[in-house]
């Protein structure tokens, strides 16, 4: 698979394995994306638990926690993550006590289903 065909998240994680102290500018340049998109992608990776960011004396360190299995692609991992999220989203929907909470939970459930 050529470098350009890999998903951006995969390119970023591969880069971060080699450069854990990389800045958003360096990540953006390597992945061929904007600085804002690099920051947004890092946020998503942190939320998903695929990377862990820490700061020590103003220096950021990003540890890549996701280790691909031989047969698991980023797409498959993302789908598995959505499968794991669905029961909690359904539970949240069932426990909602007002229309606003029901709507938020329903939107989350629909988004999860769209990604399966």
N, C-alpha and C. Protein backbone atom coordinates (compact mmCIF):
# COMPACT_ATOMS: atom_id res chain seq x y z
N UNK A 1 0.86 -1.18 0.00
CA UNK A 1 0.00 0.00 0.00
C UNK A 1 0.89 1.23 0.00
N UNK A 2 0.68 2.15 -0.92
CA UNK A 2 1.50 3.34 -0.96
C UNK A 2 1.14 4.29 0.17
N UNK A 3 2.08 5.16 0.48
CA UNK A 3 1.90 6.10 1.59
C UNK A 3 0.64 6.93 1.43
N UNK A 4 0.36 7.39 0.22
CA UNK A 4 -0.79 8.27 -0.03
C UNK A 4 -2.12 7.55 0.16
N UNK A 5 -2.16 6.23 0.00
CA UNK A 5 -3.42 5.50 0.09
C UNK A 5 -3.79 5.12 1.52
N UNK A 6 -2.87 5.25 2.45
CA UNK A 6 -3.17 4.92 3.83
C UNK A 6 -4.09 5.99 4.41
N UNK A 7 -5.00 5.59 5.29
CA UNK A 7 -5.86 6.59 5.93
C UNK A 7 -5.01 7.59 6.73
N UNK A 8 -5.49 8.80 6.82
CA UNK A 8 -4.75 9.86 7.52
C UNK A 8 -4.45 9.44 8.96
N UNK A 9 -5.44 8.85 9.64
CA UNK A 9 -5.20 8.45 11.03
C UNK A 9 -4.05 7.46 11.12
N UNK A 10 -3.97 6.56 10.18
CA UNK A 10 -2.90 5.57 10.19
C UNK A 10 -1.55 6.24 9.92
N UNK A 11 -1.51 7.16 8.96
CA UNK A 11 -0.26 7.88 8.68
C UNK A 11 0.20 8.66 9.90
N UNK A 12 -0.75 9.30 10.58
CA UNK A 12 -0.40 10.09 11.76
C UNK A 12 0.13 9.19 12.87
N UNK A 13 -0.53 8.07 13.11
CA UNK A 13 -0.08 7.18 14.19
C UNK A 13 1.29 6.58 13.87
N UNK A 14 1.54 6.24 12.62
CA UNK A 14 2.86 5.72 12.25
C UNK A 14 3.93 6.78 12.49
N UNK A 15 3.63 8.03 12.13
CA UNK A 15 4.57 9.12 12.34
C UNK A 15 4.82 9.34 13.83
N UNK A 16 3.75 9.31 14.63
CA UNK A 16 3.88 9.55 16.07
C UNK A 16 4.66 8.45 16.78
N UNK A 17 4.60 7.23 16.27
CA UNK A 17 5.40 6.15 16.87
C UNK A 17 6.88 6.50 16.80
N UNK A 18 7.29 7.13 15.71
CA UNK A 18 8.69 7.51 15.51
C UNK A 18 9.01 8.88 16.11
N UNK A 19 7.99 9.75 16.23
CA UNK A 19 8.19 11.13 16.69
C UNK A 19 7.16 11.50 17.75
N UNK A 20 7.28 10.96 18.96
CA UNK A 20 6.26 11.18 20.00
C UNK A 20 6.16 12.63 20.50
N UNK A 21 7.17 13.44 20.20
CA UNK A 21 7.14 14.84 20.64
C UNK A 21 6.79 15.79 19.50
N UNK A 22 6.27 15.27 18.40
CA UNK A 22 5.96 16.08 17.23
C UNK A 22 4.93 17.16 17.55
N UNK A 23 5.10 18.29 16.90
CA UNK A 23 4.13 19.38 17.03
C UNK A 23 2.99 19.15 16.04
N UNK A 24 1.91 19.89 16.21
CA UNK A 24 0.79 19.80 15.26
C UNK A 24 1.25 20.20 13.86
N UNK A 25 2.15 21.19 13.76
CA UNK A 25 2.66 21.61 12.46
C UNK A 25 3.41 20.46 11.78
N UNK A 26 4.25 19.75 12.54
CA UNK A 26 5.01 18.63 11.97
C UNK A 26 4.08 17.49 11.55
N UNK A 27 3.07 17.23 12.37
CA UNK A 27 2.10 16.18 12.05
C UNK A 27 1.34 16.55 10.77
N UNK A 28 0.90 17.81 10.71
CA UNK A 28 0.15 18.28 9.54
C UNK A 28 0.99 18.17 8.26
N UNK A 29 2.24 18.60 8.35
CA UNK A 29 3.12 18.55 7.18
C UNK A 29 3.34 17.12 6.71
N UNK A 30 3.57 16.22 7.63
CA UNK A 30 3.81 14.82 7.29
C UNK A 30 2.58 14.17 6.66
N UNK A 31 1.39 14.46 7.22
CA UNK A 31 0.16 13.84 6.74
C UNK A 31 -0.43 14.57 5.54
N UNK A 32 0.09 15.76 5.22
CA UNK A 32 -0.44 16.51 4.09
C UNK A 32 -1.80 17.12 4.38
N UNK A 33 -1.99 17.59 5.62
CA UNK A 33 -3.27 18.18 6.03
C UNK A 33 -3.00 19.51 6.72
N UNK A 34 -4.08 20.23 7.05
CA UNK A 34 -3.92 21.51 7.74
C UNK A 34 -3.60 21.28 9.21
N UNK A 35 -3.08 22.32 9.84
CA UNK A 35 -2.77 22.26 11.27
C UNK A 35 -4.03 21.98 12.08
N UNK A 36 -5.14 22.63 11.72
CA UNK A 36 -6.40 22.43 12.44
C UNK A 36 -6.86 20.98 12.32
N UNK A 37 -6.76 20.43 11.12
CA UNK A 37 -7.19 19.03 10.94
C UNK A 37 -6.29 18.08 11.73
N UNK A 38 -5.01 18.40 11.81
CA UNK A 38 -4.10 17.57 12.61
C UNK A 38 -4.52 17.62 14.08
N UNK A 39 -4.82 18.82 14.58
CA UNK A 39 -5.26 18.97 15.98
C UNK A 39 -6.58 18.24 16.21
N UNK A 40 -7.52 18.38 15.28
CA UNK A 40 -8.82 17.70 15.40
C UNK A 40 -8.64 16.18 15.38
N UNK A 41 -7.78 15.69 14.50
CA UNK A 41 -7.54 14.25 14.40
C UNK A 41 -6.90 13.73 15.68
N UNK A 42 -5.96 14.48 16.24
CA UNK A 42 -5.35 14.07 17.51
C UNK A 42 -6.39 14.00 18.62
N UNK A 43 -7.30 14.95 18.62
CA UNK A 43 -8.39 14.94 19.61
C UNK A 43 -9.22 13.67 19.49
N UNK A 44 -9.58 13.33 18.27
CA UNK A 44 -10.38 12.13 18.03
C UNK A 44 -9.61 10.89 18.45
N UNK A 45 -8.33 10.83 18.11
CA UNK A 45 -7.51 9.68 18.48
C UNK A 45 -7.42 9.54 20.00
N UNK A 46 -7.33 10.67 20.70
CA UNK A 46 -7.31 10.65 22.17
C UNK A 46 -8.63 10.14 22.72
N UNK A 47 -9.73 10.63 22.17
CA UNK A 47 -11.07 10.22 22.63
C UNK A 47 -11.28 8.73 22.41
N UNK A 48 -10.83 8.24 21.27
CA UNK A 48 -10.99 6.81 20.96
C UNK A 48 -10.06 5.93 21.79
N UNK A 49 -9.06 6.55 22.41
CA UNK A 49 -8.12 5.79 23.20
C UNK A 49 -7.00 5.17 22.38
N UNK A 50 -6.84 5.64 21.15
CA UNK A 50 -5.80 5.10 20.28
C UNK A 50 -4.44 5.72 20.57
N UNK A 51 -4.44 6.94 21.13
CA UNK A 51 -3.20 7.59 21.55
C UNK A 51 -3.43 8.17 22.94
N UNK A 52 -2.34 8.45 23.62
CA UNK A 52 -2.41 9.06 24.94
C UNK A 52 -1.43 10.23 24.95
N UNK A 53 -1.94 11.43 25.20
CA UNK A 53 -1.10 12.62 25.23
C UNK A 53 -0.84 13.03 26.67
N UNK A 54 0.39 13.42 26.93
CA UNK A 54 0.73 13.94 28.25
C UNK A 54 1.68 15.11 28.08
N UNK A 55 1.73 15.96 29.09
CA UNK A 55 2.59 17.13 29.07
C UNK A 55 3.51 17.09 30.28
N UNK A 56 4.78 17.41 30.05
CA UNK A 56 5.74 17.49 31.12
C UNK A 56 6.62 18.70 30.85
N UNK A 57 6.54 19.69 31.74
CA UNK A 57 7.30 20.93 31.59
C UNK A 57 7.06 21.56 30.22
N UNK A 58 5.81 21.58 29.79
CA UNK A 58 5.42 22.23 28.54
C UNK A 58 5.71 21.43 27.28
N UNK A 59 6.25 20.23 27.43
CA UNK A 59 6.56 19.41 26.27
C UNK A 59 5.55 18.28 26.17
N UNK A 60 4.92 18.16 25.01
CA UNK A 60 3.90 17.14 24.79
C UNK A 60 4.56 15.84 24.34
N UNK A 61 4.05 14.75 24.89
CA UNK A 61 4.45 13.42 24.45
C UNK A 61 3.19 12.67 24.07
N UNK A 62 3.20 12.07 22.89
CA UNK A 62 2.04 11.31 22.43
C UNK A 62 2.48 9.86 22.26
N UNK A 63 1.82 8.99 23.01
CA UNK A 63 2.10 7.56 22.94
C UNK A 63 0.98 6.90 22.13
N UNK A 64 1.34 6.20 21.09
CA UNK A 64 0.37 5.47 20.27
C UNK A 64 0.08 4.15 20.97
N UNK A 65 -1.18 3.98 21.37
CA UNK A 65 -1.59 2.77 22.08
C UNK A 65 -2.15 1.71 21.14
N UNK A 66 -2.67 2.15 19.99
CA UNK A 66 -3.27 1.22 19.03
C UNK A 66 -2.18 0.45 18.33
N UNK A 67 -2.31 -0.85 18.37
CA UNK A 67 -1.37 -1.72 17.68
C UNK A 67 -2.20 -2.58 16.72
N UNK A 68 -2.03 -2.38 15.41
CA UNK A 68 -2.85 -3.13 14.46
C UNK A 68 -2.57 -4.63 14.53
N UNK A 69 -3.63 -5.37 14.44
CA UNK A 69 -3.50 -6.82 14.30
C UNK A 69 -3.17 -7.10 12.84
N UNK A 70 -2.69 -8.27 12.56
CA UNK A 70 -2.33 -8.61 11.19
C UNK A 70 -3.50 -8.44 10.24
N UNK A 71 -4.69 -8.77 10.70
CA UNK A 71 -5.85 -8.73 9.81
C UNK A 71 -6.76 -7.53 10.07
N UNK A 72 -6.42 -6.70 11.05
CA UNK A 72 -7.30 -5.60 11.40
C UNK A 72 -6.80 -4.29 10.80
N UNK A 73 -7.64 -3.67 10.01
CA UNK A 73 -7.33 -2.37 9.44
C UNK A 73 -7.93 -1.30 10.34
N UNK A 74 -7.59 -0.05 10.07
CA UNK A 74 -8.17 1.05 10.82
C UNK A 74 -9.69 1.04 10.67
N UNK A 75 -10.17 0.74 9.47
CA UNK A 75 -11.62 0.68 9.23
C UNK A 75 -12.27 -0.38 10.10
N UNK A 76 -11.66 -1.57 10.17
CA UNK A 76 -12.21 -2.64 11.00
C UNK A 76 -12.18 -2.25 12.48
N UNK A 77 -11.10 -1.61 12.91
CA UNK A 77 -11.01 -1.18 14.30
C UNK A 77 -12.10 -0.16 14.60
N UNK A 78 -12.32 0.77 13.67
CA UNK A 78 -13.36 1.78 13.85
C UNK A 78 -14.73 1.11 13.97
N UNK A 79 -15.01 0.13 13.10
CA UNK A 79 -16.28 -0.59 13.17
C UNK A 79 -16.43 -1.32 14.50
N UNK A 80 -15.37 -1.97 14.94
CA UNK A 80 -15.42 -2.67 16.23
C UNK A 80 -15.69 -1.69 17.37
N UNK A 81 -15.11 -0.51 17.28
CA UNK A 81 -15.34 0.51 18.30
C UNK A 81 -16.81 0.92 18.32
N UNK A 82 -17.40 1.11 17.14
CA UNK A 82 -18.82 1.46 17.07
C UNK A 82 -19.69 0.34 17.63
N UNK A 83 -19.34 -0.90 17.35
CA UNK A 83 -20.09 -2.03 17.92
C UNK A 83 -20.06 -1.98 19.45
N UNK A 84 -18.91 -1.61 19.99
CA UNK A 84 -18.77 -1.53 21.45
C UNK A 84 -19.55 -0.34 22.02
N UNK A 85 -19.70 0.73 21.24
CA UNK A 85 -20.40 1.93 21.71
C UNK A 85 -21.92 1.76 21.70
N UNK A 86 -22.43 0.93 20.81
CA UNK A 86 -23.88 0.82 20.62
C UNK A 86 -24.65 0.44 21.88
N UNK A 87 -24.25 -0.58 22.64
CA UNK A 87 -25.04 -0.92 23.84
C UNK A 87 -25.14 0.24 24.84
N UNK A 88 -24.06 0.98 25.02
CA UNK A 88 -24.09 2.11 25.96
C UNK A 88 -25.02 3.21 25.43
N UNK A 89 -24.99 3.45 24.12
CA UNK A 89 -25.87 4.46 23.53
C UNK A 89 -27.33 4.06 23.70
N UNK A 90 -27.64 2.79 23.50
CA UNK A 90 -29.01 2.31 23.69
C UNK A 90 -29.44 2.44 25.16
N UNK A 91 -28.53 2.14 26.07
CA UNK A 91 -28.82 2.28 27.50
C UNK A 91 -29.10 3.75 27.84
N UNK A 92 -28.31 4.64 27.28
CA UNK A 92 -28.51 6.08 27.51
C UNK A 92 -29.88 6.51 26.99
N UNK A 93 -30.25 6.01 25.82
CA UNK A 93 -31.55 6.33 25.24
C UNK A 93 -32.67 5.85 26.17
N UNK A 94 -32.55 4.63 26.65
CA UNK A 94 -33.59 4.07 27.52
C UNK A 94 -33.70 4.81 28.85
N UNK A 95 -32.60 5.38 29.32
CA UNK A 95 -32.61 6.08 30.61
C UNK A 95 -32.93 7.57 30.49
N UNK A 96 -33.08 8.06 29.27
CA UNK A 96 -33.36 9.48 29.07
C UNK A 96 -34.67 9.87 29.75
N UNK A 97 -34.64 11.04 30.36
CA UNK A 97 -35.82 11.49 31.11
C UNK A 97 -36.55 12.66 30.46
N UNK A 98 -36.00 13.19 29.37
CA UNK A 98 -36.69 14.28 28.68
C UNK A 98 -36.45 14.18 27.18
N UNK A 99 -37.21 14.95 26.44
CA UNK A 99 -37.16 14.88 24.97
C UNK A 99 -35.79 15.27 24.44
N UNK A 100 -35.17 16.27 25.04
CA UNK A 100 -33.86 16.71 24.57
C UNK A 100 -32.83 15.58 24.70
N UNK A 101 -32.81 14.91 25.83
CA UNK A 101 -31.88 13.80 26.03
C UNK A 101 -32.19 12.64 25.07
N UNK A 102 -33.48 12.39 24.83
CA UNK A 102 -33.86 11.35 23.87
C UNK A 102 -33.34 11.68 22.47
N UNK A 103 -33.48 12.95 22.06
CA UNK A 103 -33.00 13.36 20.74
C UNK A 103 -31.49 13.22 20.61
N UNK A 104 -30.76 13.63 21.64
CA UNK A 104 -29.30 13.51 21.61
C UNK A 104 -28.89 12.04 21.51
N UNK A 105 -29.49 11.20 22.33
CA UNK A 105 -29.16 9.77 22.32
C UNK A 105 -29.53 9.15 20.97
N UNK A 106 -30.67 9.52 20.42
CA UNK A 106 -31.10 8.98 19.13
C UNK A 106 -30.12 9.38 18.03
N UNK A 107 -29.65 10.64 18.04
CA UNK A 107 -28.67 11.08 17.04
C UNK A 107 -27.38 10.28 17.15
N UNK A 108 -26.95 10.01 18.36
CA UNK A 108 -25.74 9.22 18.57
C UNK A 108 -25.94 7.80 18.02
N UNK A 109 -27.08 7.22 18.32
CA UNK A 109 -27.37 5.86 17.84
C UNK A 109 -27.39 5.82 16.32
N UNK A 110 -28.04 6.79 15.69
CA UNK A 110 -28.08 6.82 14.22
C UNK A 110 -26.68 6.98 13.64
N UNK A 111 -25.85 7.81 14.27
CA UNK A 111 -24.47 8.00 13.78
C UNK A 111 -23.69 6.69 13.89
N UNK A 112 -23.86 6.00 15.00
CA UNK A 112 -23.17 4.72 15.17
C UNK A 112 -23.62 3.74 14.08
N UNK A 113 -24.94 3.66 13.87
CA UNK A 113 -25.45 2.72 12.87
C UNK A 113 -24.98 3.06 11.45
N UNK A 114 -24.83 4.35 11.15
CA UNK A 114 -24.34 4.75 9.85
C UNK A 114 -22.91 4.29 9.62
N UNK A 115 -22.16 4.14 10.69
CA UNK A 115 -20.75 3.78 10.58
C UNK A 115 -20.48 2.29 10.69
N UNK A 116 -21.52 1.50 10.87
CA UNK A 116 -21.31 0.04 10.97
C UNK A 116 -21.29 -0.57 9.59
